Amino acid sequence: MSQHIPPQAADALRGIFIKVLVYNVPDMDRLSDEQLAALAAKNDEAALEVLVRRYLRLVYVLAYRYVADKDEAEDVTQEIFVKVWRNLNKFDPARRAARLNPIEALRYE
């Protein structure tokens, strides 16, 4: 089920996951998902960290329910965030799906 994730992307996201679990970015926490996605699309790492923090548990729980294996769920979670990261430039907050859930909206790209 796992796709090959380039080492650069995997390392970058691993670093973000660690920061998300350890640090808090209070000013960014006040921004909407749409605002954060727009900033992250412009390579704002702090904005991406906040988005990951907001959705990490939810994405992991859903992945675990689907694959029923801790390691595989972690891999799926990482793959999802890699896809989000790669497709942030396609994010359109005007789309209805984006207003409901910015990460879900990227599935339709």
N, C-alpha and C. Protein backbone atom coordinates (compact mmCIF):
# COMPACT_ATOMS: atom_id res chain seq x y z
N MET A 1 0.82 -1.19 0.00
CA MET A 1 0.00 0.00 0.00
C MET A 1 0.87 1.26 0.00
N SER A 2 2.03 1.21 0.61
CA SER A 2 2.88 2.38 0.70
C SER A 2 3.49 2.72 -0.65
N GLN A 3 3.51 4.01 -0.96
CA GLN A 3 4.18 4.49 -2.15
C GLN A 3 5.57 4.92 -1.72
N HIS A 4 6.46 5.03 -2.70
CA HIS A 4 7.79 5.51 -2.38
C HIS A 4 7.73 7.01 -2.08
N ILE A 5 8.24 7.38 -0.93
CA ILE A 5 8.31 8.79 -0.55
C ILE A 5 9.76 9.22 -0.68
N PRO A 6 10.02 10.26 -1.46
CA PRO A 6 11.40 10.72 -1.59
C PRO A 6 12.01 11.02 -0.22
N PRO A 7 13.27 10.65 0.00
CA PRO A 7 13.90 10.87 1.32
C PRO A 7 13.81 12.32 1.79
N GLN A 8 13.93 13.27 0.86
CA GLN A 8 13.87 14.69 1.24
C GLN A 8 12.51 15.02 1.84
N ALA A 9 11.44 14.56 1.20
CA ALA A 9 10.10 14.82 1.71
C ALA A 9 9.88 14.11 3.03
N ALA A 10 10.32 12.86 3.12
CA ALA A 10 10.14 12.10 4.36
C ALA A 10 10.89 12.77 5.51
N ASP A 11 12.12 13.21 5.28
CA ASP A 11 12.90 13.87 6.32
C ASP A 11 12.27 15.19 6.75
N ALA A 12 11.79 15.96 5.78
CA ALA A 12 11.16 17.24 6.10
C ALA A 12 9.91 17.03 6.95
N LEU A 13 9.08 16.08 6.54
CA LEU A 13 7.86 15.84 7.31
C LEU A 13 8.15 15.21 8.66
N ARG A 14 9.14 14.36 8.75
CA ARG A 14 9.52 13.77 10.05
C ARG A 14 9.90 14.88 11.01
N GLY A 15 10.68 15.86 10.52
CA GLY A 15 11.05 17.00 11.35
C GLY A 15 9.84 17.81 11.78
N ILE A 16 8.89 17.99 10.87
CA ILE A 16 7.68 18.73 11.21
C ILE A 16 6.86 17.96 12.24
N PHE A 17 6.73 16.63 12.07
CA PHE A 17 5.98 15.83 13.03
C PHE A 17 6.58 15.97 14.43
N ILE A 18 7.90 15.94 14.52
CA ILE A 18 8.56 16.08 15.82
C ILE A 18 8.27 17.45 16.41
N LYS A 19 8.39 18.51 15.59
CA LYS A 19 8.11 19.86 16.08
C LYS A 19 6.67 19.99 16.53
N VAL A 20 5.75 19.39 15.79
CA VAL A 20 4.33 19.47 16.12
C VAL A 20 4.07 18.85 17.48
N LEU A 21 4.73 17.77 17.77
CA LEU A 21 4.51 17.09 19.04
C LEU A 21 5.18 17.81 20.21
N VAL A 22 6.19 18.63 19.93
CA VAL A 22 6.97 19.25 21.00
C VAL A 22 6.66 20.74 21.18
N TYR A 23 6.47 21.46 20.09
CA TYR A 23 6.36 22.91 20.16
C TYR A 23 4.94 23.39 19.89
N ASN A 24 4.69 24.61 20.25
CA ASN A 24 3.42 25.26 19.99
C ASN A 24 3.71 26.57 19.26
N VAL A 25 2.88 26.93 18.31
CA VAL A 25 3.05 28.17 17.55
C VAL A 25 1.77 28.99 17.76
N PRO A 26 1.65 29.70 18.90
CA PRO A 26 0.38 30.31 19.28
C PRO A 26 -0.17 31.34 18.30
N ASP A 27 0.66 32.16 17.68
CA ASP A 27 0.14 33.17 16.76
C ASP A 27 -0.51 32.52 15.54
N MET A 28 0.10 31.48 15.05
CA MET A 28 -0.44 30.77 13.90
C MET A 28 -1.72 30.02 14.26
N ASP A 29 -1.85 29.63 15.51
CA ASP A 29 -3.03 28.87 15.93
C ASP A 29 -4.32 29.64 15.70
N ARG A 30 -4.24 30.94 15.66
CA ARG A 30 -5.43 31.76 15.48
C ARG A 30 -5.89 31.84 14.03
N LEU A 31 -5.04 31.43 13.10
CA LEU A 31 -5.38 31.52 11.68
C LEU A 31 -6.31 30.39 11.27
N SER A 32 -7.11 30.65 10.27
CA SER A 32 -8.01 29.61 9.74
C SER A 32 -7.19 28.61 8.94
N ASP A 33 -7.78 27.47 8.67
CA ASP A 33 -7.11 26.46 7.84
C ASP A 33 -6.81 27.04 6.46
N GLU A 34 -7.72 27.82 5.94
CA GLU A 34 -7.52 28.42 4.63
C GLU A 34 -6.32 29.36 4.62
N GLN A 35 -6.20 30.17 5.66
CA GLN A 35 -5.07 31.09 5.77
C GLN A 35 -3.76 30.32 5.91
N LEU A 36 -3.79 29.28 6.72
CA LEU A 36 -2.59 28.47 6.92
C LEU A 36 -2.18 27.77 5.62
N ALA A 37 -3.16 27.24 4.89
CA ALA A 37 -2.85 26.57 3.63
C ALA A 37 -2.23 27.54 2.63
N ALA A 38 -2.74 28.75 2.59
CA ALA A 38 -2.19 29.76 1.68
C ALA A 38 -0.74 30.09 2.07
N LEU A 39 -0.48 30.22 3.35
CA LEU A 39 0.89 30.50 3.81
C LEU A 39 1.80 29.30 3.55
N ALA A 40 1.31 28.11 3.85
CA ALA A 40 2.12 26.90 3.63
C ALA A 40 2.45 26.73 2.15
N ALA A 41 1.52 27.11 1.27
CA ALA A 41 1.77 27.03 -0.17
C ALA A 41 2.90 27.95 -0.59
N LYS A 42 3.16 28.96 0.22
CA LYS A 42 4.28 29.89 -0.04
C LYS A 42 5.51 29.50 0.76
N ASN A 43 5.57 28.21 1.13
CA ASN A 43 6.72 27.63 1.84
C ASN A 43 6.89 28.14 3.27
N ASP A 44 5.80 28.51 3.92
CA ASP A 44 5.85 28.90 5.32
C ASP A 44 5.77 27.62 6.17
N GLU A 45 6.90 27.20 6.68
CA GLU A 45 6.98 25.93 7.42
C GLU A 45 6.15 25.98 8.71
N ALA A 46 6.11 27.13 9.37
CA ALA A 46 5.33 27.24 10.61
C ALA A 46 3.85 27.01 10.34
N ALA A 47 3.35 27.52 9.21
CA ALA A 47 1.95 27.32 8.86
C ALA A 47 1.66 25.85 8.60
N LEU A 48 2.57 25.18 7.90
CA LEU A 48 2.41 23.75 7.65
C LEU A 48 2.44 22.97 8.95
N GLU A 49 3.29 23.37 9.88
CA GLU A 49 3.36 22.71 11.18
C GLU A 49 2.02 22.80 11.91
N VAL A 50 1.39 23.96 11.85
CA VAL A 50 0.10 24.13 12.52
C VAL A 50 -0.95 23.24 11.87
N LEU A 51 -0.97 23.20 10.54
CA LEU A 51 -1.93 22.33 9.85
C LEU A 51 -1.70 20.86 10.22
N VAL A 52 -0.45 20.45 10.26
CA VAL A 52 -0.15 19.07 10.63
C VAL A 52 -0.62 18.81 12.06
N ARG A 53 -0.33 19.74 12.95
CA ARG A 53 -0.76 19.57 14.36
C ARG A 53 -2.28 19.45 14.44
N ARG A 54 -2.99 20.25 13.68
CA ARG A 54 -4.46 20.21 13.73
C ARG A 54 -5.03 18.89 13.24
N TYR A 55 -4.39 18.29 12.26
CA TYR A 55 -4.98 17.12 11.62
C TYR A 55 -4.24 15.81 11.86
N LEU A 56 -3.10 15.84 12.52
CA LEU A 56 -2.28 14.64 12.68
C LEU A 56 -3.04 13.50 13.37
N ARG A 57 -3.65 13.78 14.50
CA ARG A 57 -4.37 12.73 15.23
C ARG A 57 -5.54 12.18 14.41
N LEU A 58 -6.31 13.07 13.83
CA LEU A 58 -7.47 12.64 13.03
C LEU A 58 -7.03 11.76 11.86
N VAL A 59 -6.02 12.20 11.13
CA VAL A 59 -5.55 11.44 9.98
C VAL A 59 -5.02 10.08 10.43
N TYR A 60 -4.25 10.08 11.53
CA TYR A 60 -3.70 8.81 12.03
C TYR A 60 -4.81 7.85 12.46
N VAL A 61 -5.78 8.35 13.20
CA VAL A 61 -6.88 7.49 13.68
C VAL A 61 -7.64 6.90 12.49
N LEU A 62 -7.94 7.72 11.50
CA LEU A 62 -8.64 7.21 10.32
C LEU A 62 -7.79 6.19 9.57
N ALA A 63 -6.50 6.47 9.45
CA ALA A 63 -5.61 5.52 8.78
C ALA A 63 -5.55 4.21 9.56
N TYR A 64 -5.46 4.30 10.87
CA TYR A 64 -5.40 3.08 11.70
C TYR A 64 -6.68 2.26 11.58
N ARG A 65 -7.80 2.94 11.57
CA ARG A 65 -9.07 2.23 11.41
C ARG A 65 -9.12 1.49 10.07
N TYR A 66 -8.48 2.07 9.07
CA TYR A 66 -8.50 1.47 7.74
C TYR A 66 -7.53 0.29 7.62
N VAL A 67 -6.30 0.45 8.14
CA VAL A 67 -5.27 -0.59 7.94
C VAL A 67 -5.10 -1.50 9.15
N ALA A 68 -5.56 -1.08 10.33
CA ALA A 68 -5.49 -1.90 11.56
C ALA A 68 -4.07 -2.35 11.91
N ASP A 69 -3.10 -1.51 11.62
CA ASP A 69 -1.71 -1.81 11.96
C ASP A 69 -1.01 -0.48 12.27
N LYS A 70 -0.37 -0.40 13.44
CA LYS A 70 0.24 0.85 13.88
C LYS A 70 1.28 1.38 12.89
N ASP A 71 2.21 0.51 12.48
CA ASP A 71 3.27 0.97 11.57
C ASP A 71 2.71 1.38 10.21
N GLU A 72 1.79 0.60 9.70
CA GLU A 72 1.18 0.93 8.40
C GLU A 72 0.38 2.23 8.51
N ALA A 73 -0.31 2.43 9.63
CA ALA A 73 -1.07 3.67 9.83
C ALA A 73 -0.14 4.88 9.86
N GLU A 74 1.03 4.72 10.47
CA GLU A 74 2.01 5.81 10.48
C GLU A 74 2.49 6.11 9.06
N ASP A 75 2.73 5.05 8.28
CA ASP A 75 3.16 5.25 6.89
C ASP A 75 2.08 5.94 6.06
N VAL A 76 0.85 5.49 6.23
CA VAL A 76 -0.27 6.10 5.49
C VAL A 76 -0.42 7.56 5.89
N THR A 77 -0.31 7.84 7.18
CA THR A 77 -0.42 9.22 7.66
C THR A 77 0.66 10.08 7.02
N GLN A 78 1.87 9.58 6.99
CA GLN A 78 2.96 10.35 6.39
C GLN A 78 2.70 10.56 4.90
N GLU A 79 2.23 9.54 4.21
CA GLU A 79 1.94 9.67 2.79
C GLU A 79 0.86 10.72 2.53
N ILE A 80 -0.13 10.76 3.39
CA ILE A 80 -1.20 11.76 3.23
C ILE A 80 -0.64 13.16 3.37
N PHE A 81 0.20 13.37 4.39
CA PHE A 81 0.75 14.71 4.57
C PHE A 81 1.76 15.07 3.47
N VAL A 82 2.45 14.10 2.92
CA VAL A 82 3.32 14.37 1.77
C VAL A 82 2.47 14.84 0.60
N LYS A 83 1.35 14.15 0.37
CA LYS A 83 0.45 14.55 -0.73
C LYS A 83 -0.09 15.96 -0.50
N VAL A 84 -0.49 16.24 0.72
CA VAL A 84 -0.98 17.59 1.05
C VAL A 84 0.11 18.61 0.76
N TRP A 85 1.30 18.33 1.25
CA TRP A 85 2.42 19.25 1.08
C TRP A 85 2.70 19.51 -0.40
N ARG A 86 2.69 18.45 -1.20
CA ARG A 86 2.97 18.60 -2.64
C ARG A 86 1.87 19.35 -3.38
N ASN A 87 0.65 19.31 -2.86
CA ASN A 87 -0.48 19.87 -3.59
C ASN A 87 -1.04 21.15 -2.98
N LEU A 88 -0.36 21.74 -2.04
CA LEU A 88 -0.86 22.97 -1.44
C LEU A 88 -1.05 24.09 -2.46
N ASN A 89 -0.24 24.09 -3.49
CA ASN A 89 -0.38 25.14 -4.51
C ASN A 89 -1.68 25.00 -5.30
N LYS A 90 -2.35 23.85 -5.21
CA LYS A 90 -3.63 23.63 -5.90
C LYS A 90 -4.82 23.94 -5.00
N PHE A 91 -4.56 24.24 -3.75
CA PHE A 91 -5.63 24.48 -2.79
C PHE A 91 -6.42 25.72 -3.18
N ASP A 92 -7.74 25.58 -3.27
CA ASP A 92 -8.63 26.69 -3.61
C ASP A 92 -9.69 26.82 -2.51
N PRO A 93 -9.53 27.79 -1.62
CA PRO A 93 -10.48 27.92 -0.50
C PRO A 93 -11.90 28.27 -0.95
N ALA A 94 -12.08 28.67 -2.21
CA ALA A 94 -13.42 29.02 -2.69
C ALA A 94 -14.26 27.77 -2.96
N ARG A 95 -13.60 26.63 -3.12
CA ARG A 95 -14.34 25.40 -3.39
C ARG A 95 -15.07 24.94 -2.14
N ARG A 96 -16.26 24.40 -2.32
CA ARG A 96 -17.07 23.97 -1.19
C ARG A 96 -16.35 22.94 -0.33
N ALA A 97 -15.70 21.95 -0.94
CA ALA A 97 -14.99 20.92 -0.18
C ALA A 97 -13.89 21.55 0.68
N ALA A 98 -13.25 22.58 0.16
CA ALA A 98 -12.18 23.24 0.91
C ALA A 98 -12.73 23.95 2.14
N ARG A 99 -13.93 24.48 2.04
CA ARG A 99 -14.51 25.14 3.20
C ARG A 99 -14.88 24.13 4.28
N LEU A 100 -15.22 22.92 3.88
CA LEU A 100 -15.58 21.89 4.84
C LEU A 100 -14.33 21.30 5.50
N ASN A 101 -13.31 21.04 4.71
CA ASN A 101 -12.09 20.45 5.23
C ASN A 101 -10.98 20.64 4.20
N PRO A 102 -10.04 21.53 4.45
CA PRO A 102 -9.00 21.83 3.47
C PRO A 102 -8.19 20.62 3.03
N ILE A 103 -7.91 19.71 3.94
CA ILE A 103 -7.13 18.54 3.56
C ILE A 103 -7.95 17.61 2.68
N GLU A 104 -9.20 17.44 3.01
CA GLU A 104 -10.10 16.61 2.19
C GLU A 104 -10.21 17.17 0.77
N ALA A 105 -10.23 18.46 0.64
CA ALA A 105 -10.39 19.10 -0.67
C ALA A 105 -9.27 18.70 -1.63
N LEU A 106 -8.10 18.42 -1.11
CA LEU A 106 -6.98 18.07 -1.96
C LEU A 106 -7.14 16.69 -2.59
N ARG A 107 -8.04 15.87 -2.07
CA ARG A 107 -8.30 14.55 -2.66
C ARG A 107 -8.87 14.69 -4.06
N TYR A 108 -9.53 15.79 -4.34
CA TYR A 108 -10.22 15.96 -5.61
C TYR A 108 -9.32 16.57 -6.67
N GLU A 109 -8.09 16.80 -6.38
CA GLU A 109 -7.16 17.40 -7.35
C GLU A 109 -6.63 16.34 -8.28
